[in-house]
Amino acid sequence: MSEVERSMEFNRLKWHCRRGMLELDILLEPFMEEVFETLGEEDKRCFRKLIECEDQDIFVWFMQKEVPTDPDLARIVKLILDRVQPENYNT
């Protein structure tokens, strides 16, 4: 993937992180800005998969009411939550 393609993908993902729900925005947007580029390809794939999910599902996962049944989603949700509260989220 060229630098231009990476930049376009980053901007597209960044746009998709703006969910319009404050609780999601304050988790997804900083993660995208500060962490996404440091992730390995597998975790980047998991993140892309996460932002394709419905807001109500993501919200429930981030509020720790449920854990995603999909292992990819569970992994990226844990990474995001561990960043903001490392000792509180276990899968």
PDB file of N, CA and C in Angstrom:
ATOM      1  N   MET A   1       0.853  -1.172   0.000  1.00  0.00           N
ATOM      2  CA  MET A   1       0.000   0.000   0.000  1.00  0.00           C
ATOM      3  C   MET A   1       0.898   1.235   0.000  1.00  0.00           C
ATOM      4  N   SER A   2       0.614   2.151  -0.900  1.00  0.00           N
ATOM      5  CA  SER A   2       1.421   3.365  -1.002  1.00  0.00           C
ATOM      6  C   SER A   2       1.123   4.308   0.166  1.00  0.00           C
ATOM      7  N   GLU A   3       1.971   5.299   0.316  1.00  0.00           N
ATOM      8  CA  GLU A   3       1.782   6.297   1.373  1.00  0.00           C
ATOM      9  C   GLU A   3       0.468   7.051   1.189  1.00  0.00           C
ATOM     10  N   VAL A   4       0.132   7.353  -0.055  1.00  0.00           N
ATOM     11  CA  VAL A   4      -1.119   8.056  -0.350  1.00  0.00           C
ATOM     12  C   VAL A   4      -2.305   7.177   0.042  1.00  0.00           C
ATOM     13  N   GLU A   5      -2.247   5.901  -0.308  1.00  0.00           N
ATOM     14  CA  GLU A   5      -3.329   4.982   0.044  1.00  0.00           C
ATOM     15  C   GLU A   5      -3.464   4.836   1.552  1.00  0.00           C
ATOM     16  N   ARG A   6      -2.329   4.747   2.261  1.00  0.00           N
ATOM     17  CA  ARG A   6      -2.354   4.656   3.735  1.00  0.00           C
ATOM     18  C   ARG A   6      -2.978   5.906   4.333  1.00  0.00           C
ATOM     19  N   SER A   7      -2.603   7.051   3.796  1.00  0.00           N
ATOM     20  CA  SER A   7      -3.158   8.313   4.290  1.00  0.00           C
ATOM     21  C   SER A   7      -4.661   8.391   4.043  1.00  0.00           C
ATOM     22  N   MET A   8      -5.083   7.964   2.870  1.00  0.00           N
ATOM     23  CA  MET A   8      -6.511   7.979   2.559  1.00  0.00           C
ATOM     24  C   MET A   8      -7.269   7.017   3.463  1.00  0.00           C
ATOM     25  N   GLU A   9      -6.700   5.838   3.698  1.00  0.00           N
ATOM     26  CA  GLU A   9      -7.365   4.884   4.579  1.00  0.00           C
ATOM     27  C   GLU A   9      -7.447   5.437   5.999  1.00  0.00           C
ATOM     28  N   PHE A  10      -6.352   6.024   6.479  1.00  0.00           N
ATOM     29  CA  PHE A  10      -6.342   6.604   7.821  1.00  0.00           C
ATOM     30  C   PHE A  10      -7.429   7.663   7.947  1.00  0.00           C
ATOM     31  N   ASN A  11      -7.521   8.545   6.976  1.00  0.00           N
ATOM     32  CA  ASN A  11      -8.540   9.600   7.018  1.00  0.00           C
ATOM     33  C   ASN A  11      -9.951   9.028   6.968  1.00  0.00           C
ATOM     34  N   ARG A  12     -10.149   7.985   6.160  1.00  0.00           N
ATOM     35  CA  ARG A  12     -11.459   7.337   6.085  1.00  0.00           C
ATOM     36  C   ARG A  12     -11.819   6.707   7.428  1.00  0.00           C
ATOM     37  N   LEU A  13     -10.873   6.005   8.037  1.00  0.00           N
ATOM     38  CA  LEU A  13     -11.129   5.380   9.341  1.00  0.00           C
ATOM     39  C   LEU A  13     -11.375   6.436  10.412  1.00  0.00           C
ATOM     40  N   LYS A  14     -10.594   7.488  10.366  1.00  0.00           N
ATOM     41  CA  LYS A  14     -10.759   8.585  11.328  1.00  0.00           C
ATOM     42  C   LYS A  14     -12.163   9.172  11.222  1.00  0.00           C
ATOM     43  N   TRP A  15     -12.642   9.343   9.993  1.00  0.00           N
ATOM     44  CA  TRP A  15     -13.996   9.860   9.779  1.00  0.00           C
ATOM     45  C   TRP A  15     -15.029   8.903  10.369  1.00  0.00           C
ATOM     46  N   HIS A  16     -14.843   7.607  10.186  1.00  0.00           N
ATOM     47  CA  HIS A  16     -15.784   6.604  10.696  1.00  0.00           C
ATOM     48  C   HIS A  16     -15.756   6.496  12.223  1.00  0.00           C
ATOM     49  N   CYS A  17     -14.702   7.005  12.842  1.00  0.00           N
ATOM     50  CA  CYS A  17     -14.633   7.011  14.307  1.00  0.00           C
ATOM     51  C   CYS A  17     -15.541   8.071  14.915  1.00  0.00           C
ATOM     52  N   ARG A  18     -15.960   9.031  14.129  1.00  0.00           N
ATOM     53  CA  ARG A  18     -16.884  10.067  14.595  1.00  0.00           C
ATOM     54  C   ARG A  18     -18.285   9.484  14.552  1.00  0.00           C
ATOM     55  N   ARG A  19     -18.724   8.985  15.687  1.00  0.00           N
ATOM     56  CA  ARG A  19     -19.969   8.247  15.731  1.00  0.00           C
ATOM     57  C   ARG A  19     -21.172   9.110  16.075  1.00  0.00           C
ATOM     58  N   GLY A  20     -20.946  10.275  16.662  1.00  0.00           N
ATOM     59  CA  GLY A  20     -22.066  11.109  17.062  1.00  0.00           C
ATOM     60  C   GLY A  20     -22.597  10.742  18.432  1.00  0.00           C
ATOM     61  N   MET A  21     -21.965   9.782  19.064  1.00  0.00           N
ATOM     62  CA  MET A  21     -22.311   9.392  20.429  1.00  0.00           C
ATOM     63  C   MET A  21     -21.062   9.688  21.265  1.00  0.00           C
ATOM     64  N   LEU A  22     -21.149  10.638  22.161  1.00  0.00           N
ATOM     65  CA  LEU A  22     -19.988  11.113  22.897  1.00  0.00           C
ATOM     66  C   LEU A  22     -19.180   9.983  23.525  1.00  0.00           C
ATOM     67  N   GLU A  23     -19.855   9.020  24.123  1.00  0.00           N
ATOM     68  CA  GLU A  23     -19.159   7.922  24.799  1.00  0.00           C
ATOM     69  C   GLU A  23     -18.272   7.135  23.835  1.00  0.00           C
ATOM     70  N   LEU A  24     -18.713   7.006  22.607  1.00  0.00           N
ATOM     71  CA  LEU A  24     -17.912   6.295  21.606  1.00  0.00           C
ATOM     72  C   LEU A  24     -16.823   7.197  21.042  1.00  0.00           C
ATOM     73  N   ASP A  25     -17.179   8.438  20.794  1.00  0.00           N
ATOM     74  CA  ASP A  25     -16.210   9.376  20.224  1.00  0.00           C
ATOM     75  C   ASP A  25     -14.994   9.550  21.126  1.00  0.00           C
ATOM     76  N   ILE A  26     -15.199   9.622  22.439  1.00  0.00           N
ATOM     77  CA  ILE A  26     -14.064   9.870  23.343  1.00  0.00           C
ATOM     78  C   ILE A  26     -13.166   8.642  23.499  1.00  0.00           C
ATOM     79  N   LEU A  27     -13.625   7.486  23.065  1.00  0.00           N
ATOM     80  CA  LEU A  27     -12.773   6.297  23.059  1.00  0.00           C
ATOM     81  C   LEU A  27     -12.150   6.050  21.689  1.00  0.00           C
ATOM     82  N   LEU A  28     -12.955   6.143  20.651  1.00  0.00           N
ATOM     83  CA  LEU A  28     -12.483   5.785  19.312  1.00  0.00           C
ATOM     84  C   LEU A  28     -11.562   6.825  18.686  1.00  0.00           C
ATOM     85  N   GLU A  29     -11.925   8.088  18.779  1.00  0.00           N
ATOM     86  CA  GLU A  29     -11.126   9.111  18.101  1.00  0.00           C
ATOM     87  C   GLU A  29      -9.696   9.216  18.645  1.00  0.00           C
ATOM     88  N   PRO A  30      -9.500   9.302  19.972  1.00  0.00           N
ATOM     89  CA  PRO A  30      -8.120   9.353  20.468  1.00  0.00           C
ATOM     90  C   PRO A  30      -7.339   8.069  20.161  1.00  0.00           C
ATOM     91  N   PHE A  31      -8.011   6.923  20.230  1.00  0.00           N
ATOM     92  CA  PHE A  31      -7.343   5.663  19.902  1.00  0.00           C
ATOM     93  C   PHE A  31      -6.853   5.703  18.452  1.00  0.00           C
ATOM     94  N   MET A  32      -7.696   6.169  17.571  1.00  0.00           N
ATOM     95  CA  MET A  32      -7.326   6.263  16.164  1.00  0.00           C
ATOM     96  C   MET A  32      -6.141   7.205  15.992  1.00  0.00           C
ATOM     97  N   GLU A  33      -6.213   8.355  16.621  1.00  0.00           N
ATOM     98  CA  GLU A  33      -5.159   9.372  16.477  1.00  0.00           C
ATOM     99  C   GLU A  33      -3.832   8.940  17.099  1.00  0.00           C
ATOM    100  N   GLU A  34      -3.896   8.327  18.272  1.00  0.00           N
ATOM    101  CA  GLU A  34      -2.687   8.091  19.060  1.00  0.00           C
ATOM    102  C   GLU A  34      -2.136   6.673  18.974  1.00  0.00           C
ATOM    103  N   VAL A  35      -2.965   5.696  18.621  1.00  0.00           N
ATOM    104  CA  VAL A  35      -2.535   4.297  18.720  1.00  0.00           C
ATOM    105  C   VAL A  35      -2.590   3.545  17.395  1.00  0.00           C
ATOM    106  N   PHE A  36      -3.551   3.839  16.561  1.00  0.00           N
ATOM    107  CA  PHE A  36      -3.799   3.018  15.373  1.00  0.00           C
ATOM    108  C   PHE A  36      -2.535   2.732  14.569  1.00  0.00           C
ATOM    109  N   GLU A  37      -1.761   3.752  14.279  1.00  0.00           N
ATOM    110  CA  GLU A  37      -0.562   3.567  13.438  1.00  0.00           C
ATOM    111  C   GLU A  37       0.484   2.673  14.098  1.00  0.00           C
ATOM    112  N   THR A  38       0.428   2.493  15.399  1.00  0.00           N
ATOM    113  CA  THR A  38       1.403   1.643  16.090  1.00  0.00           C
ATOM    114  C   THR A  38       0.967   0.181  16.138  1.00  0.00           C
ATOM    115  N   LEU A  39      -0.270  -0.104  15.739  1.00  0.00           N
ATOM    116  CA  LEU A  39      -0.795  -1.462  15.788  1.00  0.00           C
ATOM    117  C   LEU A  39      -0.199  -2.327  14.686  1.00  0.00           C
ATOM    118  N   GLY A  40      -0.146  -3.625  14.950  1.00  0.00           N
ATOM    119  CA  GLY A  40       0.219  -4.575  13.914  1.00  0.00           C
ATOM    120  C   GLY A  40      -0.935  -4.717  12.939  1.00  0.00           C
ATOM    121  N   GLU A  41      -0.674  -5.352  11.816  1.00  0.00           N
ATOM    122  CA  GLU A  41      -1.703  -5.481  10.777  1.00  0.00           C
ATOM    123  C   GLU A  41      -2.944  -6.222  11.268  1.00  0.00           C
ATOM    124  N   GLU A  42      -2.770  -7.245  12.098  1.00  0.00           N
ATOM    125  CA  GLU A  42      -3.921  -8.002  12.608  1.00  0.00           C
ATOM    126  C   GLU A  42      -4.814  -7.123  13.481  1.00  0.00           C
ATOM    127  N   ASP A  43      -4.213  -6.322  14.350  1.00  0.00           N
ATOM    128  CA  ASP A  43      -5.000  -5.432  15.202  1.00  0.00           C
ATOM    129  C   ASP A  43      -5.646  -4.312  14.399  1.00  0.00           C
ATOM    130  N   LYS A  44      -4.971  -3.838  13.362  1.00  0.00           N
ATOM    131  CA  LYS A  44      -5.587  -2.838  12.486  1.00  0.00           C
ATOM    132  C   LYS A  44      -6.817  -3.427  11.805  1.00  0.00           C
ATOM    133  N   ARG A  45      -6.711  -4.680  11.385  1.00  0.00           N
ATOM    134  CA  ARG A  45      -7.856  -5.360  10.771  1.00  0.00           C
ATOM    135  C   ARG A  45      -9.007  -5.470  11.763  1.00  0.00           C
ATOM    136  N   CYS A  46      -8.689  -5.804  13.008  1.00  0.00           N
ATOM    137  CA  CYS A  46      -9.723  -5.898  14.055  1.00  0.00           C
ATOM    138  C   CYS A  46     -10.390  -4.540  14.276  1.00  0.00           C
ATOM    139  N   PHE A  47      -9.597  -3.475  14.266  1.00  0.00           N
ATOM    140  CA  PHE A  47     -10.155  -2.133  14.455  1.00  0.00           C
ATOM    141  C   PHE A  47     -11.091  -1.775  13.311  1.00  0.00           C
ATOM    142  N   ARG A  48     -10.673  -2.076  12.096  1.00  0.00           N
ATOM    143  CA  ARG A  48     -11.541  -1.808  10.933  1.00  0.00           C
ATOM    144  C   ARG A  48     -12.867  -2.553  11.082  1.00  0.00           C
ATOM    145  N   LYS A  49     -12.776  -3.774  11.549  1.00  0.00           N
ATOM    146  CA  LYS A  49     -13.974  -4.598  11.757  1.00  0.00           C
ATOM    147  C   LYS A  49     -14.868  -3.971  12.836  1.00  0.00           C
ATOM    148  N   LEU A  50     -14.253  -3.460  13.897  1.00  0.00           N
ATOM    149  CA  LEU A  50     -15.011  -2.839  14.986  1.00  0.00           C
ATOM    150  C   LEU A  50     -15.799  -1.636  14.507  1.00  0.00           C
ATOM    151  N   ILE A  51     -15.164  -0.764  13.741  1.00  0.00           N
ATOM    152  CA  ILE A  51     -15.876   0.458  13.373  1.00  0.00           C
ATOM    153  C   ILE A  51     -16.957   0.215  12.326  1.00  0.00           C
ATOM    154  N   GLU A  52     -17.030  -0.986  11.803  1.00  0.00           N
ATOM    155  CA  GLU A  52     -18.134  -1.347  10.913  1.00  0.00           C
ATOM    156  C   GLU A  52     -19.360  -1.828  11.703  1.00  0.00           C
ATOM    157  N   CYS A  53     -19.205  -2.027  13.001  1.00  0.00           N
ATOM    158  CA  CYS A  53     -20.301  -2.509  13.847  1.00  0.00           C
ATOM    159  C   CYS A  53     -21.285  -1.377  14.160  1.00  0.00           C
ATOM    160  N   GLU A  54     -22.447  -1.772  14.613  1.00  0.00           N
ATOM    161  CA  GLU A  54     -23.476  -0.810  15.002  1.00  0.00           C
ATOM    162  C   GLU A  54     -23.083  -0.108  16.307  1.00  0.00           C
ATOM    163  N   ASP A  55     -23.440   1.173  16.397  1.00  0.00           N
ATOM    164  CA  ASP A  55     -23.114   1.962  17.587  1.00  0.00           C
ATOM    165  C   ASP A  55     -23.625   1.320  18.869  1.00  0.00           C
ATOM    166  N   GLN A  56     -24.852   0.817  18.859  1.00  0.00           N
ATOM    167  CA  GLN A  56     -25.409   0.256  20.086  1.00  0.00           C
ATOM    168  C   GLN A  56     -24.617  -0.967  20.557  1.00  0.00           C
ATOM    169  N   ASP A  57     -24.077  -1.750  19.633  1.00  0.00           N
ATOM    170  CA  ASP A  57     -23.245  -2.893  20.015  1.00  0.00           C
ATOM    171  C   ASP A  57     -21.924  -2.424  20.614  1.00  0.00           C
ATOM    172  N   ILE A  58     -21.285  -1.483  19.930  1.00  0.00           N
ATOM    173  CA  ILE A  58     -20.006  -0.958  20.420  1.00  0.00           C
ATOM    174  C   ILE A  58     -20.189  -0.331  21.801  1.00  0.00           C
ATOM    175  N   PHE A  59     -21.256   0.408  21.975  1.00  0.00           N
ATOM    176  CA  PHE A  59     -21.530   1.059  23.252  1.00  0.00           C
ATOM    177  C   PHE A  59     -21.623   0.033  24.384  1.00  0.00           C
ATOM    178  N   VAL A  60     -22.361  -1.027  24.166  1.00  0.00           N
ATOM    179  CA  VAL A  60     -22.528  -2.074  25.187  1.00  0.00           C
ATOM    180  C   VAL A  60     -21.177  -2.700  25.526  1.00  0.00           C
ATOM    181  N   TRP A  61     -20.356  -2.914  24.529  1.00  0.00           N
ATOM    182  CA  TRP A  61     -19.036  -3.497  24.774  1.00  0.00           C
ATOM    183  C   TRP A  61     -18.144  -2.546  25.554  1.00  0.00           C
ATOM    184  N   PHE A  62     -18.142  -1.272  25.176  1.00  0.00           N
ATOM    185  CA  PHE A  62     -17.303  -0.309  25.872  1.00  0.00           C
ATOM    186  C   PHE A  62     -17.798  -0.013  27.285  1.00  0.00           C
ATOM    187  N   MET A  63     -19.085  -0.134  27.503  1.00  0.00           N
ATOM    188  CA  MET A  63     -19.621   0.050  28.850  1.00  0.00           C
ATOM    189  C   MET A  63     -19.492  -1.233  29.686  1.00  0.00           C
ATOM    190  N   GLN A  64     -18.909  -2.253  29.076  1.00  0.00           N
ATOM    191  CA  GLN A  64     -18.605  -3.524  29.722  1.00  0.00           C
ATOM    192  C   GLN A  64     -19.845  -4.264  30.210  1.00  0.00           C
ATOM    193  N   LYS A  65     -20.950  -4.074  29.485  1.00  0.00           N
ATOM    194  CA  LYS A  65     -22.181  -4.816  29.780  1.00  0.00           C
ATOM    195  C   LYS A  65     -22.127  -6.194  29.126  1.00  0.00           C
ATOM    196  N   GLU A  66     -21.395  -6.285  28.021  1.00  0.00           N
ATOM    197  CA  GLU A  66     -21.199  -7.533  27.291  1.00  0.00           C
ATOM    198  C   GLU A  66     -19.792  -7.546  26.727  1.00  0.00           C
ATOM    199  N   VAL A  67     -19.340  -8.756  26.398  1.00  0.00           N
ATOM    200  CA  VAL A  67     -18.079  -8.935  25.685  1.00  0.00           C
ATOM    201  C   VAL A  67     -18.433  -9.469  24.298  1.00  0.00           C
ATOM    202  N   PRO A  68     -17.845  -8.937  23.254  1.00  0.00           N
ATOM    203  CA  PRO A  68     -18.161  -9.433  21.914  1.00  0.00           C
ATOM    204  C   PRO A  68     -17.896 -10.935  21.800  1.00  0.00           C
ATOM    205  N   THR A  69     -18.773 -11.631  21.096  1.00  0.00           N
ATOM    206  CA  THR A  69     -18.562 -13.067  20.890  1.00  0.00           C
ATOM    207  C   THR A  69     -17.492 -13.320  19.828  1.00  0.00           C
ATOM    208  N   ASP A  70     -17.314 -12.372  18.931  1.00  0.00           N
ATOM    209  CA  ASP A  70     -16.271 -12.491  17.906  1.00  0.00           C
ATOM    210  C   ASP A  70     -14.918 -12.206  18.564  1.00  0.00           C
ATOM    211  N   PRO A  71     -13.985 -13.156  18.497  1.00  0.00           N
ATOM    212  CA  PRO A  71     -12.679 -12.952  19.145  1.00  0.00           C
ATOM    213  C   PRO A  71     -11.912 -11.728  18.633  1.00  0.00           C
ATOM    214  N   ASP A  72     -12.058 -11.409  17.342  1.00  0.00           N
ATOM    215  CA  ASP A  72     -11.389 -10.214  16.796  1.00  0.00           C
ATOM    216  C   ASP A  72     -11.913  -8.949  17.458  1.00  0.00           C
ATOM    217  N   LEU A  73     -13.228  -8.882  17.586  1.00  0.00           N
ATOM    218  CA  LEU A  73     -13.835  -7.701  18.213  1.00  0.00           C
ATOM    219  C   LEU A  73     -13.508  -7.645  19.695  1.00  0.00           C
ATOM    220  N   ALA A  74     -13.533  -8.797  20.360  1.00  0.00           N
ATOM    221  CA  ALA A  74     -13.191  -8.831  21.785  1.00  0.00           C
ATOM    222  C   ALA A  74     -11.768  -8.334  22.004  1.00  0.00           C
ATOM    223  N   ARG A  75     -10.873  -8.713  21.117  1.00  0.00           N
ATOM    224  CA  ARG A  75      -9.467  -8.308  21.237  1.00  0.00           C
ATOM    225  C   ARG A  75      -9.308  -6.794  21.108  1.00  0.00           C
ATOM    226  N   ILE A  76      -9.927  -6.202  20.092  1.00  0.00           N
ATOM    227  CA  ILE A  76      -9.734  -4.764  19.884  1.00  0.00           C
ATOM    228  C   ILE A  76     -10.470  -3.955  20.952  1.00  0.00           C
ATOM    229  N   VAL A  77     -11.630  -4.416  21.391  1.00  0.00           N
ATOM    230  CA  VAL A  77     -12.337  -3.733  22.486  1.00  0.00           C
ATOM    231  C   VAL A  77     -11.461  -3.743  23.733  1.00  0.00           C
ATOM    232  N   LYS A  78     -10.844  -4.878  24.016  1.00  0.00           N
ATOM    233  CA  LYS A  78      -9.962  -4.975  25.181  1.00  0.00           C
ATOM    234  C   LYS A  78      -8.771  -4.029  25.047  1.00  0.00           C
ATOM    235  N   LEU A  79      -8.177  -3.972  23.859  1.00  0.00           N
ATOM    236  CA  LEU A  79      -7.047  -3.051  23.645  1.00  0.00           C
ATOM    237  C   LEU A  79      -7.448  -1.601  23.905  1.00  0.00           C
ATOM    238  N   ILE A  80      -8.601  -1.221  23.412  1.00  0.00           N
ATOM    239  CA  ILE A  80      -9.067   0.157  23.583  1.00  0.00           C
ATOM    240  C   ILE A  80      -9.374   0.438  25.048  1.00  0.00           C
ATOM    241  N   LEU A  81     -10.078  -0.484  25.702  1.00  0.00           N
ATOM    242  CA  LEU A  81     -10.416  -0.275  27.110  1.00  0.00           C
ATOM    243  C   LEU A  81      -9.185  -0.339  28.009  1.00  0.00           C
ATOM    244  N   ASP A  82      -8.262  -1.231  27.720  1.00  0.00           N
ATOM    245  CA  ASP A  82      -7.022  -1.313  28.515  1.00  0.00           C
ATOM    246  C   ASP A  82      -6.246  -0.009  28.458  1.00  0.00           C
ATOM    247  N   ARG A  83      -6.363   0.694  27.352  1.00  0.00           N
ATOM    248  CA  ARG A  83      -5.662   1.972  27.202  1.00  0.00           C
ATOM    249  C   ARG A  83      -6.189   3.011  28.182  1.00  0.00           C
ATOM    250  N   VAL A  84      -7.492   2.982  28.460  1.00  0.00           N
ATOM    251  CA  VAL A  84      -8.076   3.993  29.336  1.00  0.00           C
ATOM    252  C   VAL A  84      -8.302   3.500  30.759  1.00  0.00           C
ATOM    253  N   GLN A  85      -8.386   2.184  30.932  1.00  0.00           N
ATOM    254  CA  GLN A  85      -8.585   1.631  32.279  1.00  0.00           C
ATOM    255  C   GLN A  85      -7.995   0.229  32.344  1.00  0.00           C
ATOM    256  N   PRO A  86      -6.691   0.128  32.366  1.00  0.00           N
ATOM    257  CA  PRO A  86      -6.004  -1.151  32.210  1.00  0.00           C
ATOM    258  C   PRO A  86      -6.373  -2.236  33.234  1.00  0.00           C
ATOM    259  N   GLU A  87      -6.740  -1.860  34.407  1.00  0.00           N
ATOM    260  CA  GLU A  87      -6.992  -2.874  35.425  1.00  0.00           C
ATOM    261  C   GLU A  87      -8.434  -3.348  35.501  1.00  0.00           C
ATOM    262  N   ASN A  88      -9.344  -2.762  34.748  1.00  0.00           N
ATOM    263  CA  ASN A  88     -10.772  -3.039  34.934  1.00  0.00           C
ATOM    264  C   ASN A  88     -11.432  -3.945  33.923  1.00  0.00           C
ATOM    265  N   TYR A  89     -10.794  -4.267  32.812  1.00  0.00           N
ATOM    266  CA  TYR A  89     -11.476  -5.029  31.762  1.00  0.00           C
ATOM    267  C   TYR A  89     -10.768  -6.343  31.533  1.00  0.00           C
ATOM    268  N   ASN A  90     -11.457  -7.419  31.799  1.00  0.00           N
ATOM    269  CA  ASN A  90     -10.886  -8.746  31.573  1.00  0.00           C
ATOM    270  C   ASN A  90     -11.808  -9.554  30.690  1.00  0.00           C
ATOM    271  N   THR A  91     -11.222 -10.316  29.763  1.00  0.00           N
ATOM    272  CA  THR A  91     -12.024 -11.192  28.917  1.00  0.00           C
ATOM    273  C   THR A  91     -11.643 -12.613  29.189  1.00  0.00           C
TER     274      THR A  91
END
